[in-house]
Amino acid sequence: MDFNIIAPMPVTEAELVASNIAEDDHPVWAAATSYGTGDRVISPLSHRIYESLAEGNQGHDPVSDDGSAWLEISATNRWRAFDQRRSNTAKQADLITYSVVPSQDCDAIALFGLTAGRVRIEVWDGASRIHDQTFAMVDTGHVVSAYTWFFGGVIYARQKVLNGFPGYIGHRVDISIEAPGAVAEVGHIVLGRNHLLGRVLNLPRVQFVSHSRKGYDDFGNEILVRRGSTRKVDLSLLVPSHQAPRVMDIVAEVDGLATAFYVTGAAPSFGIEGLGFVDDHSQPIDVAGESVFPLILKTLK
């Protein structure tokens, strides 16, 4: 199986041209309004939510505040799909739609933290729809017996990756996340150029990393503080040695960015997919031909 990374392109107001999620989480901050402690506002400039830290809070722009008057809470609901966090989901009853016009060539998309029955991806060149795919999000991987087929309940996949679509500069990519009769959710959307780094060698390791902690109540009794979990993926790639600079350039390009990674090929993914970042990469070069490159990635909550 082959290991792939999607180098994410920026999604700003220039790229995000439409969404059915209104940016109305809280009132828009106004310089003439006096805010009390705990009052929340949004800024259409930063697309963030802020909470007032004092009474009589007036004239302090939360975007430029030094933290003394306002506490930054999160991205607004509309923009949570692009804030480099999977757990902070954008939510909307029944259906979420986004329309993105790529500012660079974009042939891959990955969606994480999904609550959806179906996902639809359309690509438009002007008034012509040139690509249209719909995916049912039912996860049949949880069916392990006849009993679970009939009585195990319906499990939905929480992420979806698609590559190879014609998302060139100027095309419009329409994303529909459908959950009829429920609340549709998406944690993070990555759009960008797909890169095949190399072939995954045998014995990759996927490690469960718990961030929960043991604490104590006022009487000294132990309590568990649940903080969620992430995964650590440790693998080795077989890469033609002459491609070493290309691989290192791609790793440098995605450094510090929420990056989608996944495997392709006939074999199952074995859990080698997710939203994360490259934690470590080295390139011992075999000048005779192919080299084995160790790679460590960590997922984001």
C-alpha atoms as a PDB file:
ATOM      1  CA  MET A   1       0.000   0.000   0.000  1.00  0.00           C
ATOM      2  CA  ASP A   2       1.077   3.565  -0.738  1.00  0.00           C
ATOM      3  CA  PHE A   3       1.278   6.385   1.808  1.00  0.00           C
ATOM      4  CA  ASN A   4      -0.284   9.727   0.834  1.00  0.00           C
ATOM      5  CA  ILE A   5      -0.310  13.222   2.320  1.00  0.00           C
ATOM      6  CA  ILE A   6      -2.637  16.056   1.332  1.00  0.00           C
ATOM      7  CA  ALA A   7      -0.744  19.347   1.517  1.00  0.00           C
ATOM      8  CA  PRO A   8      -3.486  21.719   2.742  1.00  0.00           C
ATOM      9  CA  MET A   9      -4.260  24.941   0.940  1.00  0.00           C
ATOM     10  CA  PRO A  10      -5.436  27.976   2.940  1.00  0.00           C
ATOM     11  CA  VAL A  11      -9.186  28.544   3.151  1.00  0.00           C
ATOM     12  CA  THR A  12      -9.905  32.215   3.762  1.00  0.00           C
ATOM     13  CA  GLU A  13     -12.708  34.571   2.772  1.00  0.00           C
ATOM     14  CA  ALA A  14     -11.228  34.570  -0.729  1.00  0.00           C
ATOM     15  CA  GLU A  15     -11.666  30.794  -1.074  1.00  0.00           C
ATOM     16  CA  LEU A  16     -14.821  30.189   0.983  1.00  0.00           C
ATOM     17  CA  VAL A  17     -17.455  31.814  -1.227  1.00  0.00           C
ATOM     18  CA  ALA A  18     -20.643  30.376   0.330  1.00  0.00           C
ATOM     19  CA  SER A  19     -22.039  28.283   3.179  1.00  0.00           C
ATOM     20  CA  ASN A  20     -25.507  27.627   4.558  1.00  0.00           C
ATOM     21  CA  ILE A  21     -24.153  28.163   8.092  1.00  0.00           C
ATOM     22  CA  ALA A  22     -24.848  31.747   9.107  1.00  0.00           C
ATOM     23  CA  GLU A  23     -22.166  33.534  11.102  1.00  0.00           C
ATOM     24  CA  ASP A  24     -24.542  34.618  13.862  1.00  0.00           C
ATOM     25  CA  ASP A  25     -23.296  32.740  16.931  1.00  0.00           C
ATOM     26  CA  HIS A  26     -23.374  35.963  18.974  1.00  0.00           C
ATOM     27  CA  PRO A  27     -23.793  39.688  18.268  1.00  0.00           C
ATOM     28  CA  VAL A  28     -21.052  41.343  16.244  1.00  0.00           C
ATOM     29  CA  TRP A  29     -18.728  43.411  18.441  1.00  0.00           C
ATOM     30  CA  ALA A  30     -19.579  47.129  18.369  1.00  0.00           C
ATOM     31  CA  ALA A  31     -17.249  49.828  19.665  1.00  0.00           C
ATOM     32  CA  ALA A  32     -20.101  51.875  21.160  1.00  0.00           C
ATOM     33  CA  THR A  33     -21.583  48.987  23.181  1.00  0.00           C
ATOM     34  CA  SER A  34     -20.641  48.396  26.815  1.00  0.00           C
ATOM     35  CA  TYR A  35     -20.229  44.679  27.567  1.00  0.00           C
ATOM     36  CA  GLY A  36     -20.468  42.941  30.918  1.00  0.00           C
ATOM     37  CA  THR A  37     -18.446  40.033  32.267  1.00  0.00           C
ATOM     38  CA  GLY A  38     -19.289  36.875  30.359  1.00  0.00           C
ATOM     39  CA  ASP A  39     -20.880  38.604  27.378  1.00  0.00           C
ATOM     40  CA  ARG A  40     -19.882  37.039  24.083  1.00  0.00           C
ATOM     41  CA  VAL A  41     -19.399  38.613  20.673  1.00  0.00           C
ATOM     42  CA  ILE A  42     -18.033  37.612  17.292  1.00  0.00           C
ATOM     43  CA  SER A  43     -15.744  39.404  14.886  1.00  0.00           C
ATOM     44  CA  PRO A  44     -16.458  39.048  11.147  1.00  0.00           C
ATOM     45  CA  LEU A  45     -12.814  40.008  10.547  1.00  0.00           C
ATOM     46  CA  SER A  46     -11.200  37.151  12.486  1.00  0.00           C
ATOM     47  CA  HIS A  47     -14.236  34.823  12.438  1.00  0.00           C
ATOM     48  CA  ARG A  48     -13.681  34.147  16.135  1.00  0.00           C
ATOM     49  CA  ILE A  49     -15.832  34.198  19.286  1.00  0.00           C
ATOM     50  CA  TYR A  50     -14.723  36.329  22.255  1.00  0.00           C
ATOM     51  CA  GLU A  51     -15.907  36.551  25.868  1.00  0.00           C
ATOM     52  CA  SER A  52     -15.746  39.748  27.912  1.00  0.00           C
ATOM     53  CA  LEU A  53     -13.540  39.581  31.015  1.00  0.00           C
ATOM     54  CA  ALA A  54     -14.767  42.753  32.727  1.00  0.00           C
ATOM     55  CA  GLU A  55     -17.774  44.968  33.386  1.00  0.00           C
ATOM     56  CA  GLY A  56     -18.061  48.159  31.370  1.00  0.00           C
ATOM     57  CA  ASN A  57     -15.971  46.680  28.572  1.00  0.00           C
ATOM     58  CA  GLN A  58     -16.282  49.326  25.875  1.00  0.00           C
ATOM     59  CA  GLY A  59     -14.114  50.365  22.943  1.00  0.00           C
ATOM     60  CA  HIS A  60     -11.682  47.447  23.207  1.00  0.00           C
ATOM     61  CA  ASP A  61     -11.521  45.653  19.870  1.00  0.00           C
ATOM     62  CA  PRO A  62     -11.297  41.907  20.686  1.00  0.00           C
ATOM     63  CA  VAL A  63      -9.226  41.242  17.559  1.00  0.00           C
ATOM     64  CA  SER A  64      -6.386  43.497  18.717  1.00  0.00           C
ATOM     65  CA  ASP A  65      -6.931  43.053  22.478  1.00  0.00           C
ATOM     66  CA  ASP A  66      -3.953  41.845  24.511  1.00  0.00           C
ATOM     67  CA  GLY A  67      -6.095  39.451  26.530  1.00  0.00           C
ATOM     68  CA  SER A  68      -6.958  41.845  29.342  1.00  0.00           C
ATOM     69  CA  ALA A  69     -10.468  42.688  28.103  1.00  0.00           C
ATOM     70  CA  TRP A  70     -11.434  39.694  25.965  1.00  0.00           C
ATOM     71  CA  LEU A  71     -10.891  35.932  26.050  1.00  0.00           C
ATOM     72  CA  GLU A  72     -10.767  34.233  22.656  1.00  0.00           C
ATOM     73  CA  ILE A  73     -13.057  31.198  22.769  1.00  0.00           C
ATOM     74  CA  SER A  74     -13.003  29.536  19.348  1.00  0.00           C
ATOM     75  CA  ALA A  75     -13.755  29.951  15.683  1.00  0.00           C
ATOM     76  CA  THR A  76     -17.347  30.747  14.782  1.00  0.00           C
ATOM     77  CA  ASN A  77     -19.584  27.831  13.845  1.00  0.00           C
ATOM     78  CA  ARG A  78     -19.238  28.593  10.134  1.00  0.00           C
ATOM     79  CA  TRP A  79     -15.419  28.564  10.252  1.00  0.00           C
ATOM     80  CA  ARG A  80     -14.803  25.658  12.638  1.00  0.00           C
ATOM     81  CA  ALA A  81     -14.344  23.350   9.658  1.00  0.00           C
ATOM     82  CA  PHE A  82     -11.111  25.189   8.838  1.00  0.00           C
ATOM     83  CA  ASP A  83      -9.564  25.867  12.277  1.00  0.00           C
ATOM     84  CA  GLN A  84      -7.069  22.921  12.317  1.00  0.00           C
ATOM     85  CA  ARG A  85      -9.061  21.109  15.033  1.00  0.00           C
ATOM     86  CA  ARG A  86     -11.139  17.980  14.564  1.00  0.00           C
ATOM     87  CA  SER A  87     -13.074  17.999  17.849  1.00  0.00           C
ATOM     88  CA  ASN A  88     -14.396  21.571  17.506  1.00  0.00           C
ATOM     89  CA  THR A  89     -17.150  20.771  15.006  1.00  0.00           C
ATOM     90  CA  ALA A  90     -19.290  22.954  12.778  1.00  0.00           C
ATOM     91  CA  LYS A  91     -22.957  22.038  13.314  1.00  0.00           C
ATOM     92  CA  GLN A  92     -26.180  22.562  11.415  1.00  0.00           C
ATOM     93  CA  ALA A  93     -29.513  20.748  11.408  1.00  0.00           C
ATOM     94  CA  ASP A  94     -29.975  18.333   8.477  1.00  0.00           C
ATOM     95  CA  LEU A  95     -27.381  19.742   6.084  1.00  0.00           C
ATOM     96  CA  ILE A  96     -24.061  21.609   5.971  1.00  0.00           C
ATOM     97  CA  THR A  97     -22.885  23.106   2.699  1.00  0.00           C
ATOM     98  CA  TYR A  98     -19.624  24.813   1.774  1.00  0.00           C
ATOM     99  CA  SER A  99     -18.567  26.232  -1.578  1.00  0.00           C
ATOM    100  CA  VAL A 100     -14.821  26.695  -2.009  1.00  0.00           C
ATOM    101  CA  VAL A 101     -12.973  28.170  -4.991  1.00  0.00           C
ATOM    102  CA  PRO A 102      -9.359  26.885  -4.828  1.00  0.00           C
ATOM    103  CA  SER A 103      -6.589  29.454  -5.045  1.00  0.00           C
ATOM    104  CA  GLN A 104      -4.196  26.679  -6.083  1.00  0.00           C
ATOM    105  CA  ASP A 105      -4.547  23.340  -7.812  1.00  0.00           C
ATOM    106  CA  CYS A 106      -6.527  21.036  -5.545  1.00  0.00           C
ATOM    107  CA  ASP A 107      -7.129  17.390  -6.400  1.00  0.00           C
ATOM    108  CA  ALA A 108      -7.930  15.934  -2.965  1.00  0.00           C
ATOM    109  CA  ILE A 109     -10.261  16.541  -0.040  1.00  0.00           C
ATOM    110  CA  ALA A 110     -10.473  14.974   3.415  1.00  0.00           C
ATOM    111  CA  LEU A 111     -13.260  15.493   5.940  1.00  0.00           C
ATOM    112  CA  PHE A 112     -12.868  14.628   9.626  1.00  0.00           C
ATOM    113  CA  GLY A 113     -15.147  14.565  12.667  1.00  0.00           C
ATOM    114  CA  LEU A 114     -18.182  13.823  10.523  1.00  0.00           C
ATOM    115  CA  THR A 115     -21.714  13.151  11.662  1.00  0.00           C
ATOM    116  CA  ALA A 116     -23.441  12.432   8.384  1.00  0.00           C
ATOM    117  CA  GLY A 117     -25.391   9.837   6.472  1.00  0.00           C
ATOM    118  CA  ARG A 118     -24.058  11.013   3.130  1.00  0.00           C
ATOM    119  CA  VAL A 119     -21.337  13.278   1.768  1.00  0.00           C
ATOM    120  CA  ARG A 120     -21.500  14.777  -1.709  1.00  0.00           C
ATOM    121  CA  ILE A 121     -18.632  16.437  -3.597  1.00  0.00           C
ATOM    122  CA  GLU A 122     -19.357  18.445  -6.748  1.00  0.00           C
ATOM    123  CA  VAL A 123     -16.906  20.396  -8.909  1.00  0.00           C
ATOM    124  CA  TRP A 124     -18.103  23.193 -11.188  1.00  0.00           C
ATOM    125  CA  ASP A 125     -16.320  24.850 -14.106  1.00  0.00           C
ATOM    126  CA  GLY A 126     -18.471  27.942 -14.504  1.00  0.00           C
ATOM    127  CA  ALA A 127     -22.042  26.704 -15.047  1.00  0.00           C
ATOM    128  CA  SER A 128     -20.910  23.175 -15.958  1.00  0.00           C
ATOM    129  CA  ARG A 129     -20.771  20.458 -13.315  1.00  0.00           C
ATOM    130  CA  ILE A 130     -17.728  18.386 -14.216  1.00  0.00           C
ATOM    131  CA  HIS A 131     -17.548  16.103 -11.177  1.00  0.00           C
ATOM    132  CA  ASP A 132     -20.228  14.668  -8.884  1.00  0.00           C
ATOM    133  CA  GLN A 133     -19.763  11.924  -6.295  1.00  0.00           C
ATOM    134  CA  THR A 134     -21.957  10.921  -3.362  1.00  0.00           C
ATOM    135  CA  PHE A 135     -20.742   8.643  -0.563  1.00  0.00           C
ATOM    136  CA  ALA A 136     -22.884   6.736   1.922  1.00  0.00           C
ATOM    137  CA  MET A 137     -21.134   7.025   5.279  1.00  0.00           C
ATOM    138  CA  VAL A 138     -22.284   3.710   6.750  1.00  0.00           C
ATOM    139  CA  ASP A 139     -19.212   1.901   8.091  1.00  0.00           C
ATOM    140  CA  THR A 140     -19.560  -1.818   7.356  1.00  0.00           C
ATOM    141  CA  GLY A 141     -16.196  -2.532   8.967  1.00  0.00           C
ATOM    142  CA  HIS A 142     -18.030  -2.949  12.282  1.00  0.00           C
ATOM    143  CA  VAL A 143     -19.997  -5.917  10.920  1.00  0.00           C
ATOM    144  CA  VAL A 144     -18.057  -8.938  12.147  1.00  0.00           C
ATOM    145  CA  SER A 145     -20.813 -11.586  12.302  1.00  0.00           C
ATOM    146  CA  ALA A 146     -24.358 -12.347  11.210  1.00  0.00           C
ATOM    147  CA  TYR A 147     -25.545 -11.096  14.596  1.00  0.00           C
ATOM    148  CA  THR A 148     -23.886  -7.693  14.237  1.00  0.00           C
ATOM    149  CA  TRP A 149     -25.246  -7.450  10.675  1.00  0.00           C
ATOM    150  CA  PHE A 150     -28.818  -7.757  11.908  1.00  0.00           C
ATOM    151  CA  PHE A 151     -28.637  -6.410  15.455  1.00  0.00           C
ATOM    152  CA  GLY A 152     -25.412  -4.433  15.826  1.00  0.00           C
ATOM    153  CA  GLY A 153     -26.916  -1.076  14.909  1.00  0.00           C
ATOM    154  CA  VAL A 154     -25.763   1.297  12.208  1.00  0.00           C
ATOM    155  CA  ILE A 155     -22.261   2.748  12.585  1.00  0.00           C
ATOM    156  CA  TYR A 156     -21.272   5.772  10.519  1.00  0.00           C
ATOM    157  CA  ALA A 157     -17.743   6.583   9.380  1.00  0.00           C
ATOM    158  CA  ARG A 158     -16.279   9.711  10.952  1.00  0.00           C
ATOM    159  CA  GLN A 159     -13.984  10.646   8.073  1.00  0.00           C
ATOM    160  CA  LYS A 160     -13.808  10.544   4.294  1.00  0.00           C
ATOM    161  CA  VAL A 161     -10.958  11.048   1.819  1.00  0.00           C
ATOM    162  CA  LEU A 162     -11.353  11.633  -1.914  1.00  0.00           C
ATOM    163  CA  ASN A 163      -8.623  12.293  -4.454  1.00  0.00           C
ATOM    164  CA  GLY A 164      -8.291  12.616  -8.201  1.00  0.00           C
ATOM    165  CA  PHE A 165     -11.044  15.157  -8.817  1.00  0.00           C
ATOM    166  CA  PRO A 166     -10.461  18.196 -11.116  1.00  0.00           C
ATOM    167  CA  GLY A 167     -10.150  20.985  -8.548  1.00  0.00           C
ATOM    168  CA  TYR A 168      -8.130  23.444 -10.580  1.00  0.00           C
ATOM    169  CA  ILE A 169      -7.778  27.151  -9.825  1.00  0.00           C
ATOM    170  CA  GLY A 170     -11.086  28.859 -10.572  1.00  0.00           C
ATOM    171  CA  HIS A 171     -13.223  25.749 -10.252  1.00  0.00           C
ATOM    172  CA  ARG A 172     -15.820  25.693  -7.476  1.00  0.00           C
ATOM    173  CA  VAL A 173     -15.914  22.742  -5.099  1.00  0.00           C
ATOM    174  CA  ASP A 174     -19.307  22.219  -3.438  1.00  0.00           C
ATOM    175  CA  ILE A 175     -19.336  20.106  -0.281  1.00  0.00           C
ATOM    176  CA  SER A 176     -22.626  18.770   1.133  1.00  0.00           C
ATOM    177  CA  ILE A 177     -22.724  16.981   4.490  1.00  0.00           C
ATOM    178  CA  GLU A 178     -26.150  15.424   4.906  1.00  0.00           C
ATOM    179  CA  ALA A 179     -27.806  14.177   8.111  1.00  0.00           C
ATOM    180  CA  PRO A 180     -31.580  14.306   7.480  1.00  0.00           C
ATOM    181  CA  GLY A 181     -33.542  14.523  10.719  1.00  0.00           C
ATOM    182  CA  ALA A 182     -30.390  14.993  12.801  1.00  0.00           C
ATOM    183  CA  VAL A 183     -27.548  17.466  13.336  1.00  0.00           C
ATOM    184  CA  ALA A 184     -24.880  17.352  10.640  1.00  0.00           C
ATOM    185  CA  GLU A 185     -21.333  17.937  11.888  1.00  0.00           C
ATOM    186  CA  VAL A 186     -17.838  18.296  10.479  1.00  0.00           C
ATOM    187  CA  GLY A 187     -14.678  18.882  12.493  1.00  0.00           C
ATOM    188  CA  HIS A 188     -12.121  19.813   9.864  1.00  0.00           C
ATOM    189  CA  ILE A 189     -11.905  19.928   6.079  1.00  0.00           C
ATOM    190  CA  VAL A 190      -8.598  19.660   4.241  1.00  0.00           C
ATOM    191  CA  LEU A 191      -8.409  20.613   0.572  1.00  0.00           C
ATOM    192  CA  GLY A 192      -5.160  20.541  -1.324  1.00  0.00           C
ATOM    193  CA  ARG A 193      -2.708  18.714  -3.518  1.00  0.00           C
ATOM    194  CA  ASN A 194      -2.292  14.975  -2.972  1.00  0.00           C
ATOM    195  CA  HIS A 195       1.278  13.656  -2.667  1.00  0.00           C
ATOM    196  CA  LEU A 196       2.264   9.991  -2.764  1.00  0.00           C
ATOM    197  CA  LEU A 197       5.359   9.703  -0.551  1.00  0.00           C
ATOM    198  CA  GLY A 198       6.255   6.037  -0.817  1.00  0.00           C
ATOM    199  CA  ARG A 199       5.279   2.430  -0.187  1.00  0.00           C
ATOM    200  CA  VAL A 200       4.504   1.382   3.386  1.00  0.00           C
ATOM    201  CA  LEU A 201       6.737  -1.429   4.587  1.00  0.00           C
ATOM    202  CA  ASN A 202       5.511  -4.250   6.801  1.00  0.00           C
ATOM    203  CA  LEU A 203       4.893  -3.791  10.542  1.00  0.00           C
ATOM    204  CA  PRO A 204       3.707  -0.181  10.747  1.00  0.00           C
ATOM    205  CA  ARG A 205       2.640   0.659  14.295  1.00  0.00           C
ATOM    206  CA  VAL A 206      -0.512   2.552  15.251  1.00  0.00           C
ATOM    207  CA  GLN A 207      -0.425   3.546  18.920  1.00  0.00           C
ATOM    208  CA  PHE A 208      -3.413   4.669  20.999  1.00  0.00           C
ATOM    209  CA  VAL A 209      -2.460   7.701  23.121  1.00  0.00           C
ATOM    210  CA  SER A 210      -4.778   8.583  26.007  1.00  0.00           C
ATOM    211  CA  HIS A 211      -4.764  12.148  27.338  1.00  0.00           C
ATOM    212  CA  SER A 212      -7.000  11.333  30.297  1.00  0.00           C
ATOM    213  CA  ARG A 213      -5.620  11.870  33.774  1.00  0.00           C
ATOM    214  CA  LYS A 214      -6.176  10.653  37.296  1.00  0.00           C
ATOM    215  CA  GLY A 215      -7.222  13.362  39.736  1.00  0.00           C
ATOM    216  CA  TYR A 216      -8.586  13.625  43.286  1.00  0.00           C
ATOM    217  CA  ASP A 217     -11.738  15.100  44.763  1.00  0.00           C
ATOM    218  CA  ASP A 218     -11.893  17.151  47.999  1.00  0.00           C
ATOM    219  CA  PHE A 219     -11.843  13.972  50.082  1.00  0.00           C
ATOM    220  CA  GLY A 220      -8.829  12.405  48.388  1.00  0.00           C
ATOM    221  CA  ASN A 221     -10.824   9.914  46.340  1.00  0.00           C
ATOM    222  CA  GLU A 222      -9.404   9.103  42.935  1.00  0.00           C
ATOM    223  CA  ILE A 223     -11.342  10.362  39.926  1.00  0.00           C
ATOM    224  CA  LEU A 224     -10.687   9.990  36.221  1.00  0.00           C
ATOM    225  CA  VAL A 225     -10.550  13.168  34.157  1.00  0.00           C
ATOM    226  CA  ARG A 226     -11.409  12.254  30.586  1.00  0.00           C
ATOM    227  CA  ARG A 227      -9.470  14.288  28.015  1.00  0.00           C
ATOM    228  CA  GLY A 228      -9.902  12.252  24.859  1.00  0.00           C
ATOM    229  CA  SER A 229      -7.267  10.425  22.869  1.00  0.00           C
ATOM    230  CA  THR A 230      -5.101  10.641  19.779  1.00  0.00           C
ATOM    231  CA  ARG A 231      -3.027   8.196  17.764  1.00  0.00           C
ATOM    232  CA  LYS A 232       0.657   7.948  16.961  1.00  0.00           C
ATOM    233  CA  VAL A 233       1.549   6.343  13.621  1.00  0.00           C
ATOM    234  CA  ASP A 234       5.071   4.995  13.270  1.00  0.00           C
ATOM    235  CA  LEU A 235       5.970   3.547   9.874  1.00  0.00           C
ATOM    236  CA  SER A 236       8.719   3.172   7.293  1.00  0.00           C
ATOM    237  CA  LEU A 237       8.424   4.103   3.635  1.00  0.00           C
ATOM    238  CA  LEU A 238      10.258   2.572   0.705  1.00  0.00           C
ATOM    239  CA  VAL A 239      11.203   5.445  -1.611  1.00  0.00           C
ATOM    240  CA  PRO A 240      13.458   5.584  -4.691  1.00  0.00           C
ATOM    241  CA  SER A 241      16.597   7.318  -3.436  1.00  0.00           C
ATOM    242  CA  HIS A 242      16.557   9.927  -6.189  1.00  0.00           C
ATOM    243  CA  GLN A 243      13.163  11.089  -4.823  1.00  0.00           C
ATOM    244  CA  ALA A 244      14.562  11.882  -1.362  1.00  0.00           C
ATOM    245  CA  PRO A 245      14.626  15.675  -1.957  1.00  0.00           C
ATOM    246  CA  ARG A 246      11.012  15.588  -3.164  1.00  0.00           C
ATOM    247  CA  VAL A 247       9.849  13.749  -0.044  1.00  0.00           C
ATOM    248  CA  MET A 248      11.737  16.087   2.277  1.00  0.00           C
ATOM    249  CA  ASP A 249      10.303  19.140   0.473  1.00  0.00           C
ATOM    250  CA  ILE A 250       6.756  17.819   0.954  1.00  0.00           C
ATOM    251  CA  VAL A 251       7.361  17.139   4.660  1.00  0.00           C
ATOM    252  CA  ALA A 252       8.733  20.672   5.058  1.00  0.00           C
ATOM    253  CA  GLU A 253       5.717  22.113   3.211  1.00  0.00           C
ATOM    254  CA  VAL A 254       3.210  20.591   5.662  1.00  0.00           C
ATOM    255  CA  ASP A 255       5.254  21.265   8.811  1.00  0.00           C
ATOM    256  CA  GLY A 256       3.060  22.831  11.485  1.00  0.00           C
ATOM    257  CA  LEU A 257      -0.151  22.376   9.477  1.00  0.00           C
ATOM    258  CA  ALA A 258      -3.146  20.123  10.101  1.00  0.00           C
ATOM    259  CA  THR A 259      -2.471  17.578   7.377  1.00  0.00           C
ATOM    260  CA  ALA A 260      -4.522  14.660   6.093  1.00  0.00           C
ATOM    261  CA  PHE A 261      -2.693  11.364   5.636  1.00  0.00           C
ATOM    262  CA  TYR A 262      -3.962   8.016   4.385  1.00  0.00           C
ATOM    263  CA  VAL A 263      -3.007   4.906   2.422  1.00  0.00           C
ATOM    264  CA  THR A 264      -4.156   3.663  -0.973  1.00  0.00           C
ATOM    265  CA  GLY A 265      -3.996   0.246  -2.571  1.00  0.00           C
ATOM    266  CA  ALA A 266      -5.723  -3.102  -2.355  1.00  0.00           C
ATOM    267  CA  ALA A 267      -4.865  -3.698   1.316  1.00  0.00           C
ATOM    268  CA  PRO A 268      -7.011  -2.325   4.194  1.00  0.00           C
ATOM    269  CA  SER A 269      -5.894   0.947   5.741  1.00  0.00           C
ATOM    270  CA  PHE A 270      -5.230  -0.694   9.145  1.00  0.00           C
ATOM    271  CA  GLY A 271      -5.969   2.651  10.803  1.00  0.00           C
ATOM    272  CA  ILE A 272      -3.149   4.449   8.989  1.00  0.00           C
ATOM    273  CA  GLU A 273      -5.189   7.547   8.246  1.00  0.00           C
ATOM    274  CA  GLY A 274      -6.151  10.690  10.055  1.00  0.00           C
ATOM    275  CA  LEU A 275      -5.733  14.406  10.605  1.00  0.00           C
ATOM    276  CA  GLY A 276      -2.400  15.218  12.189  1.00  0.00           C
ATOM    277  CA  PHE A 277       1.130  16.447  11.742  1.00  0.00           C
ATOM    278  CA  VAL A 278       4.561  15.027  10.964  1.00  0.00           C
ATOM    279  CA  ASP A 279       6.405  14.623  14.258  1.00  0.00           C
ATOM    280  CA  ASP A 280       9.658  13.137  12.972  1.00  0.00           C
ATOM    281  CA  HIS A 281      11.124  12.156   9.633  1.00  0.00           C
ATOM    282  CA  SER A 282      14.606  10.998   8.661  1.00  0.00           C
ATOM    283  CA  GLN A 283      16.105   9.935   5.367  1.00  0.00           C
ATOM    284  CA  PRO A 284      18.962   7.404   5.534  1.00  0.00           C
ATOM    285  CA  ILE A 285      19.965   7.256   1.871  1.00  0.00           C
ATOM    286  CA  ASP A 286      20.845   4.052   0.046  1.00  0.00           C
ATOM    287  CA  VAL A 287      22.720   5.455  -2.919  1.00  0.00           C
ATOM    288  CA  ALA A 288      22.334   2.170  -4.815  1.00  0.00           C
ATOM    289  CA  GLY A 289      18.594   2.470  -5.392  1.00  0.00           C
ATOM    290  CA  GLU A 290      15.701   2.487  -2.919  1.00  0.00           C
ATOM    291  CA  SER A 291      15.865   3.886   0.608  1.00  0.00           C
ATOM    292  CA  VAL A 292      13.866   3.190   3.757  1.00  0.00           C
ATOM    293  CA  PHE A 293      12.568   6.422   5.333  1.00  0.00           C
ATOM    294  CA  PRO A 294      11.182   6.289   8.928  1.00  0.00           C
ATOM    295  CA  LEU A 295       8.187   8.563   9.494  1.00  0.00           C
ATOM    296  CA  ILE A 296       6.217   9.384  12.666  1.00  0.00           C
ATOM    297  CA  LEU A 297       2.880  11.196  12.623  1.00  0.00           C
ATOM    298  CA  LYS A 298       0.559  12.231  15.458  1.00  0.00           C
ATOM    299  CA  THR A 299      -3.153  12.856  15.064  1.00  0.00           C
ATOM    300  CA  LEU A 300      -5.059  15.858  16.353  1.00  0.00           C
ATOM    301  CA  LYS A 301      -8.057  15.654  18.655  1.00  0.00           C
END
